Amino acid sequence: MTQRLHASIRWLAAEDGGRLRPPSGPKYWTVANFEGSSPGWPNEAWSVVVEFLEPPENDGNAVMISFLAANAPAGLLVPGATFELMEGPHVVARGVVSADQHS
């Protein structure tokens, strides 16, 4: 099992290329693009699991995030890391892994 960390995400509006509404939860799987990730993006992309800690909202959510694959590069999923959640070529949300992992 991969490490699960707290994060916050903000969904992009549909007119900005995002979703019409957040996923219904309680879990959402998609590809994430981490700042500073491999120059091989998107051919070397990693899927994440987003677990909602509260009902999904358009303006943002507190979540737990983890990689779907056990062999994913753990150095990308660390406190302070920023990422984009992707659906195909579209960015649908932006997030940051929380520095405070005790909340």
PDB file of N, CA and C in Angstrom:
ATOM      1  N   MET A   1       0.849  -1.197   0.000  1.00  0.00           N
ATOM      2  CA  MET A   1       0.000   0.000   0.000  1.00  0.00           C
ATOM      3  C   MET A   1       0.881   1.242   0.000  1.00  0.00           C
ATOM      4  N   THR A   2       0.483   2.231  -0.733  1.00  0.00           N
ATOM      5  CA  THR A   2       1.264   3.459  -0.807  1.00  0.00           C
ATOM      6  C   THR A   2       0.867   4.401   0.327  1.00  0.00           C
ATOM      7  N   GLN A   3       1.745   5.340   0.611  1.00  0.00           N
ATOM      8  CA  GLN A   3       1.514   6.317   1.660  1.00  0.00           C
ATOM      9  C   GLN A   3       0.351   7.243   1.291  1.00  0.00           C
ATOM     10  N   ARG A   4      -0.507   7.533   2.274  1.00  0.00           N
ATOM     11  CA  ARG A   4      -1.625   8.463   2.089  1.00  0.00           C
ATOM     12  C   ARG A   4      -1.288   9.745   2.841  1.00  0.00           C
ATOM     13  N   LEU A   5      -1.434  10.889   2.157  1.00  0.00           N
ATOM     14  CA  LEU A   5      -1.145  12.188   2.757  1.00  0.00           C
ATOM     15  C   LEU A   5      -2.334  13.114   2.613  1.00  0.00           C
ATOM     16  N   HIS A   6      -2.459  14.055   3.548  1.00  0.00           N
ATOM     17  CA  HIS A   6      -3.490  15.090   3.446  1.00  0.00           C
ATOM     18  C   HIS A   6      -3.122  16.063   2.327  1.00  0.00           C
ATOM     19  N   ALA A   7      -4.134  16.567   1.649  1.00  0.00           N
ATOM     20  CA  ALA A   7      -3.932  17.570   0.605  1.00  0.00           C
ATOM     21  C   ALA A   7      -5.191  18.414   0.505  1.00  0.00           C
ATOM     22  N   SER A   8      -5.057  19.541  -0.153  1.00  0.00           N
ATOM     23  CA  SER A   8      -6.230  20.348  -0.481  1.00  0.00           C
ATOM     24  C   SER A   8      -6.241  20.536  -1.989  1.00  0.00           C
ATOM     25  N   ILE A   9      -7.435  20.492  -2.557  1.00  0.00           N
ATOM     26  CA  ILE A   9      -7.568  20.662  -4.001  1.00  0.00           C
ATOM     27  C   ILE A   9      -8.637  21.705  -4.288  1.00  0.00           C
ATOM     28  N   ARG A  10      -8.470  22.377  -5.430  1.00  0.00           N
ATOM     29  CA  ARG A  10      -9.456  23.339  -5.942  1.00  0.00           C
ATOM     30  C   ARG A  10      -9.800  22.917  -7.357  1.00  0.00           C
ATOM     31  N   TRP A  11     -11.078  22.808  -7.618  1.00  0.00           N
ATOM     32  CA  TRP A  11     -11.562  22.402  -8.934  1.00  0.00           C
ATOM     33  C   TRP A  11     -11.611  23.591  -9.866  1.00  0.00           C
ATOM     34  N   LEU A  12     -11.205  23.412 -11.105  1.00  0.00           N
ATOM     35  CA  LEU A  12     -11.323  24.455 -12.109  1.00  0.00           C
ATOM     36  C   LEU A  12     -12.768  24.525 -12.578  1.00  0.00           C
ATOM     37  N   ALA A  13     -13.217  25.714 -12.898  1.00  0.00           N
ATOM     38  CA  ALA A  13     -14.560  25.901 -13.442  1.00  0.00           C
ATOM     39  C   ALA A  13     -14.641  25.262 -14.829  1.00  0.00           C
ATOM     40  N   ALA A  14     -15.831  24.856 -15.200  1.00  0.00           N
ATOM     41  CA  ALA A  14     -16.031  24.231 -16.512  1.00  0.00           C
ATOM     42  C   ALA A  14     -15.575  25.149 -17.638  1.00  0.00           C
ATOM     43  N   GLU A  15     -15.819  26.455 -17.501  1.00  0.00           N
ATOM     44  CA  GLU A  15     -15.402  27.387 -18.560  1.00  0.00           C
ATOM     45  C   GLU A  15     -13.885  27.535 -18.648  1.00  0.00           C
ATOM     46  N   ASP A  16     -13.162  27.051 -17.623  1.00  0.00           N
ATOM     47  CA  ASP A  16     -11.699  27.069 -17.640  1.00  0.00           C
ATOM     48  C   ASP A  16     -11.130  25.707 -18.017  1.00  0.00           C
ATOM     49  N   GLY A  17     -11.987  24.804 -18.490  1.00  0.00           N
ATOM     50  CA  GLY A  17     -11.549  23.475 -18.901  1.00  0.00           C
ATOM     51  C   GLY A  17     -11.759  22.407 -17.860  1.00  0.00           C
ATOM     52  N   GLY A  18     -12.307  22.788 -16.698  1.00  0.00           N
ATOM     53  CA  GLY A  18     -12.542  21.830 -15.618  1.00  0.00           C
ATOM     54  C   GLY A  18     -13.833  21.051 -15.801  1.00  0.00           C
ATOM     55  N   ARG A  19     -14.238  20.416 -14.738  1.00  0.00           N
ATOM     56  CA  ARG A  19     -15.452  19.605 -14.730  1.00  0.00           C
ATOM     57  C   ARG A  19     -16.686  20.475 -14.508  1.00  0.00           C
ATOM     58  N   LEU A  20     -17.836  19.959 -14.909  1.00  0.00           N
ATOM     59  CA  LEU A  20     -19.094  20.661 -14.619  1.00  0.00           C
ATOM     60  C   LEU A  20     -19.362  20.665 -13.116  1.00  0.00           C
ATOM     61  N   ARG A  21     -18.996  19.573 -12.443  1.00  0.00           N
ATOM     62  CA  ARG A  21     -19.134  19.462 -10.998  1.00  0.00           C
ATOM     63  C   ARG A  21     -18.074  18.489 -10.495  1.00  0.00           C
ATOM     64  N   PRO A  22     -17.726  18.586  -9.221  1.00  0.00           N
ATOM     65  CA  PRO A  22     -16.728  17.646  -8.689  1.00  0.00           C
ATOM     66  C   PRO A  22     -17.240  16.205  -8.777  1.00  0.00           C
ATOM     67  N   PRO A  23     -16.340  15.238  -8.736  1.00  0.00           N
ATOM     68  CA  PRO A  23     -16.788  13.848  -8.716  1.00  0.00           C
ATOM     69  C   PRO A  23     -17.647  13.605  -7.474  1.00  0.00           C
ATOM     70  N   SER A  24     -18.485  12.594  -7.525  1.00  0.00           N
ATOM     71  CA  SER A  24     -19.420  12.359  -6.434  1.00  0.00           C
ATOM     72  C   SER A  24     -18.769  11.739  -5.197  1.00  0.00           C
ATOM     73  N   GLY A  25     -17.544  11.212  -5.338  1.00  0.00           N
ATOM     74  CA  GLY A  25     -16.853  10.635  -4.185  1.00  0.00           C
ATOM     75  C   GLY A  25     -17.428   9.288  -3.819  1.00  0.00           C
ATOM     76  N   PRO A  26     -16.966   8.659  -2.792  1.00  0.00           N
ATOM     77  CA  PRO A  26     -15.977   9.144  -1.830  1.00  0.00           C
ATOM     78  C   PRO A  26     -14.527   9.020  -2.302  1.00  0.00           C
ATOM     79  N   LYS A  27     -14.310   8.286  -3.426  1.00  0.00           N
ATOM     80  CA  LYS A  27     -12.961   8.173  -3.980  1.00  0.00           C
ATOM     81  C   LYS A  27     -12.999   8.546  -5.459  1.00  0.00           C
ATOM     82  N   TYR A  28     -11.858   9.036  -5.932  1.00  0.00           N
ATOM     83  CA  TYR A  28     -11.721   9.482  -7.322  1.00  0.00           C
ATOM     84  C   TYR A  28     -10.323   9.091  -7.768  1.00  0.00           C
ATOM     85  N   TRP A  29     -10.220   8.426  -8.909  1.00  0.00           N
ATOM     86  CA  TRP A  29      -8.944   8.004  -9.474  1.00  0.00           C
ATOM     87  C   TRP A  29      -8.698   8.786 -10.747  1.00  0.00           C
ATOM     88  N   THR A  30      -7.475   9.316 -10.887  1.00  0.00           N
ATOM     89  CA  THR A  30      -7.124  10.022 -12.112  1.00  0.00           C
ATOM     90  C   THR A  30      -5.606  10.150 -12.188  1.00  0.00           C
ATOM     91  N   VAL A  31      -5.120  10.724 -13.263  1.00  0.00           N
ATOM     92  CA  VAL A  31      -3.692  10.970 -13.453  1.00  0.00           C
ATOM     93  C   VAL A  31      -3.344  12.327 -12.842  1.00  0.00           C
ATOM     94  N   ALA A  32      -2.192  12.396 -12.196  1.00  0.00           N
ATOM     95  CA  ALA A  32      -1.730  13.655 -11.610  1.00  0.00           C
ATOM     96  C   ALA A  32      -0.411  14.057 -12.247  1.00  0.00           C
ATOM     97  N   ASN A  33      -0.254  15.351 -12.453  1.00  0.00           N
ATOM     98  CA  ASN A  33       0.993  15.922 -12.950  1.00  0.00           C
ATOM     99  C   ASN A  33       1.588  16.719 -11.793  1.00  0.00           C
ATOM    100  N   PHE A  34       2.696  16.225 -11.228  1.00  0.00           N
ATOM    101  CA  PHE A  34       3.349  16.879 -10.099  1.00  0.00           C
ATOM    102  C   PHE A  34       4.393  17.865 -10.592  1.00  0.00           C
ATOM    103  N   GLU A  35       4.434  19.037  -9.964  1.00  0.00           N
ATOM    104  CA  GLU A  35       5.461  20.019 -10.297  1.00  0.00           C
ATOM    105  C   GLU A  35       6.815  19.371 -10.078  1.00  0.00           C
ATOM    106  N   GLY A  36       7.695  19.493 -11.049  1.00  0.00           N
ATOM    107  CA  GLY A  36       9.022  18.911 -10.961  1.00  0.00           C
ATOM    108  C   GLY A  36       9.071  17.440 -11.303  1.00  0.00           C
ATOM    109  N   SER A  37       7.967  16.909 -11.847  1.00  0.00           N
ATOM    110  CA  SER A  37       7.968  15.492 -12.203  1.00  0.00           C
ATOM    111  C   SER A  37       8.826  15.259 -13.433  1.00  0.00           C
ATOM    112  N   SER A  38       8.886  14.053 -13.840  1.00  0.00           N
ATOM    113  CA  SER A  38       9.744  13.616 -14.932  1.00  0.00           C
ATOM    114  C   SER A  38       9.548  14.430 -16.201  1.00  0.00           C
ATOM    115  N   PRO A  39      10.639  14.712 -16.925  1.00  0.00           N
ATOM    116  CA  PRO A  39      10.491  15.368 -18.223  1.00  0.00           C
ATOM    117  C   PRO A  39       9.762  14.469 -19.227  1.00  0.00           C
ATOM    118  N   GLY A  40       9.517  13.222 -18.866  1.00  0.00           N
ATOM    119  CA  GLY A  40       8.794  12.296 -19.737  1.00  0.00           C
ATOM    120  C   GLY A  40       7.292  12.449 -19.688  1.00  0.00           C
ATOM    121  N   TRP A  41       6.794  13.462 -18.937  1.00  0.00           N
ATOM    122  CA  TRP A  41       5.349  13.694 -18.859  1.00  0.00           C
ATOM    123  C   TRP A  41       4.801  13.943 -20.251  1.00  0.00           C
ATOM    124  N   PRO A  42       3.725  13.444 -20.697  1.00  0.00           N
ATOM    125  CA  PRO A  42       2.774  12.596 -19.980  1.00  0.00           C
ATOM    126  C   PRO A  42       2.999  11.108 -20.172  1.00  0.00           C
ATOM    127  N   ASN A  43       4.056  10.717 -20.888  1.00  0.00           N
ATOM    128  CA  ASN A  43       4.312   9.296 -21.105  1.00  0.00           C
ATOM    129  C   ASN A  43       4.723   8.578 -19.828  1.00  0.00           C
ATOM    130  N   GLU A  44       5.205   9.304 -18.835  1.00  0.00           N
ATOM    131  CA  GLU A  44       5.581   8.725 -17.550  1.00  0.00           C
ATOM    132  C   GLU A  44       4.691   9.309 -16.460  1.00  0.00           C
ATOM    133  N   ALA A  45       3.387   9.188 -16.652  1.00  0.00           N
ATOM    134  CA  ALA A  45       2.408   9.742 -15.716  1.00  0.00           C
ATOM    135  C   ALA A  45       2.070   8.714 -14.635  1.00  0.00           C
ATOM    136  N   TRP A  46       1.608   9.222 -13.493  1.00  0.00           N
ATOM    137  CA  TRP A  46       1.222   8.362 -12.373  1.00  0.00           C
ATOM    138  C   TRP A  46      -0.215   8.648 -11.969  1.00  0.00           C
ATOM    139  N   SER A  47      -0.955   7.598 -11.711  1.00  0.00           N
ATOM    140  CA  SER A  47      -2.336   7.740 -11.253  1.00  0.00           C
ATOM    141  C   SER A  47      -2.368   7.890  -9.742  1.00  0.00           C
ATOM    142  N   VAL A  48      -3.331   8.686  -9.280  1.00  0.00           N
ATOM    143  CA  VAL A  48      -3.512   8.891  -7.845  1.00  0.00           C
ATOM    144  C   VAL A  48      -4.933   8.504  -7.453  1.00  0.00           C
ATOM    145  N   VAL A  49      -5.089   8.229  -6.168  1.00  0.00           N
ATOM    146  CA  VAL A  49      -6.393   8.000  -5.564  1.00  0.00           C
ATOM    147  C   VAL A  49      -6.648   9.185  -4.648  1.00  0.00           C
ATOM    148  N   VAL A  50      -7.761   9.862  -4.857  1.00  0.00           N
ATOM    149  CA  VAL A  50      -8.177  10.990  -4.029  1.00  0.00           C
ATOM    150  C   VAL A  50      -9.352  10.505  -3.192  1.00  0.00           C
ATOM    151  N   GLU A  51      -9.189  10.554  -1.860  1.00  0.00           N
ATOM    152  CA  GLU A  51     -10.264  10.169  -0.945  1.00  0.00           C
ATOM    153  C   GLU A  51     -10.787  11.439  -0.290  1.00  0.00           C
ATOM    154  N   PHE A  52     -12.053  11.729  -0.502  1.00  0.00           N
ATOM    155  CA  PHE A  52     -12.642  12.951   0.035  1.00  0.00           C
ATOM    156  C   PHE A  52     -12.874  12.819   1.541  1.00  0.00           C
ATOM    157  N   LEU A  53     -12.454  13.823   2.293  1.00  0.00           N
ATOM    158  CA  LEU A  53     -12.670  13.857   3.738  1.00  0.00           C
ATOM    159  C   LEU A  53     -13.963  14.586   4.083  1.00  0.00           C
ATOM    160  N   GLU A  54     -14.567  15.195   3.088  1.00  0.00           N
ATOM    161  CA  GLU A  54     -15.828  15.929   3.229  1.00  0.00           C
ATOM    162  C   GLU A  54     -16.531  15.811   1.891  1.00  0.00           C
ATOM    163  N   PRO A  55     -17.827  16.093   1.826  1.00  0.00           N
ATOM    164  CA  PRO A  55     -18.505  16.016   0.521  1.00  0.00           C
ATOM    165  C   PRO A  55     -17.824  16.928  -0.502  1.00  0.00           C
ATOM    166  N   PRO A  56     -17.637  16.436  -1.738  1.00  0.00           N
ATOM    167  CA  PRO A  56     -16.984  17.243  -2.774  1.00  0.00           C
ATOM    168  C   PRO A  56     -17.703  18.574  -3.002  1.00  0.00           C
ATOM    169  N   GLU A  57     -16.935  19.646  -3.081  1.00  0.00           N
ATOM    170  CA  GLU A  57     -17.459  21.002  -3.287  1.00  0.00           C
ATOM    171  C   GLU A  57     -16.755  21.622  -4.488  1.00  0.00           C
ATOM    172  N   ASN A  58     -17.425  22.520  -5.182  1.00  0.00           N
ATOM    173  CA  ASN A  58     -16.822  23.190  -6.331  1.00  0.00           C
ATOM    174  C   ASN A  58     -15.628  24.059  -5.947  1.00  0.00           C
ATOM    175  N   ASP A  59     -15.675  24.691  -4.775  1.00  0.00           N
ATOM    176  CA  ASP A  59     -14.615  25.646  -4.443  1.00  0.00           C
ATOM    177  C   ASP A  59     -13.383  25.010  -3.809  1.00  0.00           C
ATOM    178  N   GLY A  60     -13.431  23.772  -3.394  1.00  0.00           N
ATOM    179  CA  GLY A  60     -12.248  23.130  -2.842  1.00  0.00           C
ATOM    180  C   GLY A  60     -12.591  22.011  -1.889  1.00  0.00           C
ATOM    181  N   ASN A  61     -11.593  21.175  -1.627  1.00  0.00           N
ATOM    182  CA  ASN A  61     -11.800  20.025  -0.775  1.00  0.00           C
ATOM    183  C   ASN A  61     -10.550  19.653  -0.008  1.00  0.00           C
ATOM    184  N   ALA A  62     -10.770  19.164   1.205  1.00  0.00           N
ATOM    185  CA  ALA A  62      -9.720  18.495   1.970  1.00  0.00           C
ATOM    186  C   ALA A  62      -9.797  17.018   1.594  1.00  0.00           C
ATOM    187  N   VAL A  63      -8.656  16.438   1.260  1.00  0.00           N
ATOM    188  CA  VAL A  63      -8.632  15.058   0.774  1.00  0.00           C
ATOM    189  C   VAL A  63      -7.420  14.325   1.349  1.00  0.00           C
ATOM    190  N   MET A  64      -7.436  13.026   1.160  1.00  0.00           N
ATOM    191  CA  MET A  64      -6.248  12.192   1.327  1.00  0.00           C
ATOM    192  C   MET A  64      -5.847  11.800  -0.086  1.00  0.00           C
ATOM    193  N   ILE A  65      -4.554  11.816  -0.368  1.00  0.00           N
ATOM    194  CA  ILE A  65      -4.083  11.471  -1.703  1.00  0.00           C
ATOM    195  C   ILE A  65      -2.991  10.413  -1.584  1.00  0.00           C
ATOM    196  N   SER A  66      -3.001   9.484  -2.510  1.00  0.00           N
ATOM    197  CA  SER A  66      -1.974   8.439  -2.562  1.00  0.00           C
ATOM    198  C   SER A  66      -1.803   8.028  -4.013  1.00  0.00           C
ATOM    199  N   PHE A  67      -0.676   7.386  -4.292  1.00  0.00           N
ATOM    200  CA  PHE A  67      -0.483   6.835  -5.634  1.00  0.00           C
ATOM    201  C   PHE A  67      -1.248   5.530  -5.749  1.00  0.00           C
ATOM    202  N   LEU A  68      -1.756   5.247  -6.930  1.00  0.00           N
ATOM    203  CA  LEU A  68      -2.452   3.995  -7.183  1.00  0.00           C
ATOM    204  C   LEU A  68      -1.458   2.831  -7.221  1.00  0.00           C
ATOM    205  N   ALA A  69      -0.288   3.046  -7.801  1.00  0.00           N
ATOM    206  CA  ALA A  69       0.720   1.994  -7.947  1.00  0.00           C
ATOM    207  C   ALA A  69       1.719   2.023  -6.796  1.00  0.00           C
ATOM    208  N   ALA A  70       2.038   0.876  -6.278  1.00  0.00           N
ATOM    209  CA  ALA A  70       2.985   0.777  -5.167  1.00  0.00           C
ATOM    210  C   ALA A  70       4.395   1.208  -5.561  1.00  0.00           C
ATOM    211  N   ASN A  71       4.743   1.111  -6.852  1.00  0.00           N
ATOM    212  CA  ASN A  71       6.104   1.452  -7.289  1.00  0.00           C
ATOM    213  C   ASN A  71       6.225   2.897  -7.790  1.00  0.00           C
ATOM    214  N   ALA A  72       5.225   3.738  -7.501  1.00  0.00           N
ATOM    215  CA  ALA A  72       5.273   5.143  -7.919  1.00  0.00           C
ATOM    216  C   ALA A  72       6.393   5.871  -7.171  1.00  0.00           C
ATOM    217  N   PRO A  73       6.920   6.959  -7.746  1.00  0.00           N
ATOM    218  CA  PRO A  73       8.029   7.682  -7.122  1.00  0.00           C
ATOM    219  C   PRO A  73       7.576   8.460  -5.877  1.00  0.00           C
ATOM    220  N   ALA A  74       7.817   7.895  -4.701  1.00  0.00           N
ATOM    221  CA  ALA A  74       7.362   8.486  -3.438  1.00  0.00           C
ATOM    222  C   ALA A  74       7.885   9.905  -3.244  1.00  0.00           C
ATOM    223  N   GLY A  75       8.999  10.263  -3.862  1.00  0.00           N
ATOM    224  CA  GLY A  75       9.562  11.597  -3.720  1.00  0.00           C
ATOM    225  C   GLY A  75       8.710  12.694  -4.324  1.00  0.00           C
ATOM    226  N   LEU A  76       7.731  12.342  -5.147  1.00  0.00           N
ATOM    227  CA  LEU A  76       6.831  13.351  -5.713  1.00  0.00           C
ATOM    228  C   LEU A  76       5.699  13.702  -4.746  1.00  0.00           C
ATOM    229  N   LEU A  77       5.293  12.746  -3.930  1.00  0.00           N
ATOM    230  CA  LEU A  77       4.157  12.924  -3.032  1.00  0.00           C
ATOM    231  C   LEU A  77       4.675  13.205  -1.623  1.00  0.00           C
ATOM    232  N   VAL A  78       5.048  14.468  -1.417  1.00  0.00           N
ATOM    233  CA  VAL A  78       5.620  14.910  -0.135  1.00  0.00           C
ATOM    234  C   VAL A  78       4.941  16.211   0.285  1.00  0.00           C
ATOM    235  N   PRO A  79       4.962  16.537   1.586  1.00  0.00           N
ATOM    236  CA  PRO A  79       4.374  17.806   2.024  1.00  0.00           C
ATOM    237  C   PRO A  79       4.935  18.991   1.239  1.00  0.00           C
ATOM    238  N   GLY A  80       4.034  19.854   0.791  1.00  0.00           N
ATOM    239  CA  GLY A  80       4.408  21.026   0.008  1.00  0.00           C
ATOM    240  C   GLY A  80       4.369  20.806  -1.489  1.00  0.00           C
ATOM    241  N   ALA A  81       4.284  19.560  -1.929  1.00  0.00           N
ATOM    242  CA  ALA A  81       4.239  19.269  -3.370  1.00  0.00           C
ATOM    243  C   ALA A  81       2.952  19.822  -3.976  1.00  0.00           C
ATOM    244  N   THR A  82       3.071  20.410  -5.162  1.00  0.00           N
ATOM    245  CA  THR A  82       1.902  20.886  -5.881  1.00  0.00           C
ATOM    246  C   THR A  82       1.652  19.968  -7.073  1.00  0.00           C
ATOM    247  N   PHE A  83       0.385  19.861  -7.445  1.00  0.00           N
ATOM    248  CA  PHE A  83       0.026  18.933  -8.514  1.00  0.00           C
ATOM    249  C   PHE A  83      -1.228  19.418  -9.228  1.00  0.00           C
ATOM    250  N   GLU A  84      -1.427  18.858 -10.408  1.00  0.00           N
ATOM    251  CA  GLU A  84      -2.642  19.079 -11.183  1.00  0.00           C
ATOM    252  C   GLU A  84      -3.310  17.730 -11.395  1.00  0.00           C
ATOM    253  N   LEU A  85      -4.620  17.679 -11.228  1.00  0.00           N
ATOM    254  CA  LEU A  85      -5.382  16.478 -11.544  1.00  0.00           C
ATOM    255  C   LEU A  85      -5.851  16.604 -12.985  1.00  0.00           C
ATOM    256  N   MET A  86      -5.626  15.562 -13.750  1.00  0.00           N
ATOM    257  CA  MET A  86      -5.875  15.582 -15.184  1.00  0.00           C
ATOM    258  C   MET A  86      -7.015  14.630 -15.545  1.00  0.00           C
ATOM    259  N   GLU A  87      -7.769  15.003 -16.561  1.00  0.00           N
ATOM    260  CA  GLU A  87      -8.705  14.101 -17.228  1.00  0.00           C
ATOM    261  C   GLU A  87      -8.389  14.236 -18.700  1.00  0.00           C
ATOM    262  N   GLY A  88      -7.710  13.225 -19.230  1.00  0.00           N
ATOM    263  CA  GLY A  88      -7.172  13.333 -20.582  1.00  0.00           C
ATOM    264  C   GLY A  88      -6.160  14.465 -20.591  1.00  0.00           C
ATOM    265  N   PRO A  89      -6.204  15.342 -21.601  1.00  0.00           N
ATOM    266  CA  PRO A  89      -5.247  16.445 -21.652  1.00  0.00           C
ATOM    267  C   PRO A  89      -5.661  17.659 -20.819  1.00  0.00           C
ATOM    268  N   HIS A  90      -6.798  17.561 -20.112  1.00  0.00           N
ATOM    269  CA  HIS A  90      -7.356  18.719 -19.412  1.00  0.00           C
ATOM    270  C   HIS A  90      -7.021  18.721 -17.922  1.00  0.00           C
ATOM    271  N   VAL A  91      -6.575  19.871 -17.425  1.00  0.00           N
ATOM    272  CA  VAL A  91      -6.403  20.068 -15.988  1.00  0.00           C
ATOM    273  C   VAL A  91      -7.793  20.331 -15.415  1.00  0.00           C
ATOM    274  N   VAL A  92      -8.213  19.525 -14.428  1.00  0.00           N
ATOM    275  CA  VAL A  92      -9.534  19.715 -13.834  1.00  0.00           C
ATOM    276  C   VAL A  92      -9.457  20.239 -12.401  1.00  0.00           C
ATOM    277  N   ALA A  93      -8.284  20.105 -11.772  1.00  0.00           N
ATOM    278  CA  ALA A  93      -8.110  20.607 -10.410  1.00  0.00           C
ATOM    279  C   ALA A  93      -6.627  20.823 -10.148  1.00  0.00           C
ATOM    280  N   ARG A  94      -6.352  21.697  -9.180  1.00  0.00           N
ATOM    281  CA  ARG A  94      -4.974  21.930  -8.718  1.00  0.00           C
ATOM    282  C   ARG A  94      -4.946  21.692  -7.225  1.00  0.00           C
ATOM    283  N   GLY A  95      -3.819  21.190  -6.739  1.00  0.00           N
ATOM    284  CA  GLY A  95      -3.743  20.904  -5.319  1.00  0.00           C
ATOM    285  C   GLY A  95      -2.356  21.032  -4.750  1.00  0.00           C
ATOM    286  N   VAL A  96      -2.301  20.921  -3.447  1.00  0.00           N
ATOM    287  CA  VAL A  96      -1.045  20.941  -2.712  1.00  0.00           C
ATOM    288  C   VAL A  96      -1.143  19.945  -1.565  1.00  0.00           C
ATOM    289  N   VAL A  97      -0.059  19.191  -1.380  1.00  0.00           N
ATOM    290  CA  VAL A  97       0.021  18.255  -0.264  1.00  0.00           C
ATOM    291  C   VAL A  97       0.288  19.075   0.988  1.00  0.00           C
ATOM    292  N   SER A  98      -0.476  18.815   2.025  1.00  0.00           N
ATOM    293  CA  SER A  98      -0.379  19.603   3.265  1.00  0.00           C
ATOM    294  C   SER A  98       0.943  19.346   3.972  1.00  0.00           C
ATOM    295  N   ALA A  99       1.506  20.427   4.498  1.00  0.00           N
ATOM    296  CA  ALA A  99       2.721  20.311   5.304  1.00  0.00           C
ATOM    297  C   ALA A  99       2.393  19.717   6.656  1.00  0.00           C
ATOM    298  N   ASP A 100       1.207  20.027   7.199  1.00  0.00           N
ATOM    299  CA  ASP A 100       0.772  19.513   8.488  1.00  0.00           C
ATOM    300  C   ASP A 100       0.020  18.210   8.245  1.00  0.00           C
ATOM    301  N   GLN A 101       0.657  17.098   8.504  1.00  0.00           N
ATOM    302  CA  GLN A 101       0.044  15.802   8.258  1.00  0.00           C
ATOM    303  C   GLN A 101      -0.701  15.261   9.480  1.00  0.00           C
ATOM    304  N   HIS A 102      -0.873  16.096  10.500  1.00  0.00           N
ATOM    305  CA  HIS A 102      -1.573  15.653  11.714  1.00  0.00           C
ATOM    306  C   HIS A 102      -2.970  16.224  11.808  1.00  0.00           C
ATOM    307  N   SER A 103      -3.448  16.905  10.762  1.00  0.00           N
ATOM    308  CA  SER A 103      -4.781  17.497  10.823  1.00  0.00           C
ATOM    309  C   SER A 103      -5.851  16.505  10.431  1.00  0.00           C
TER     310      SER A 103
END
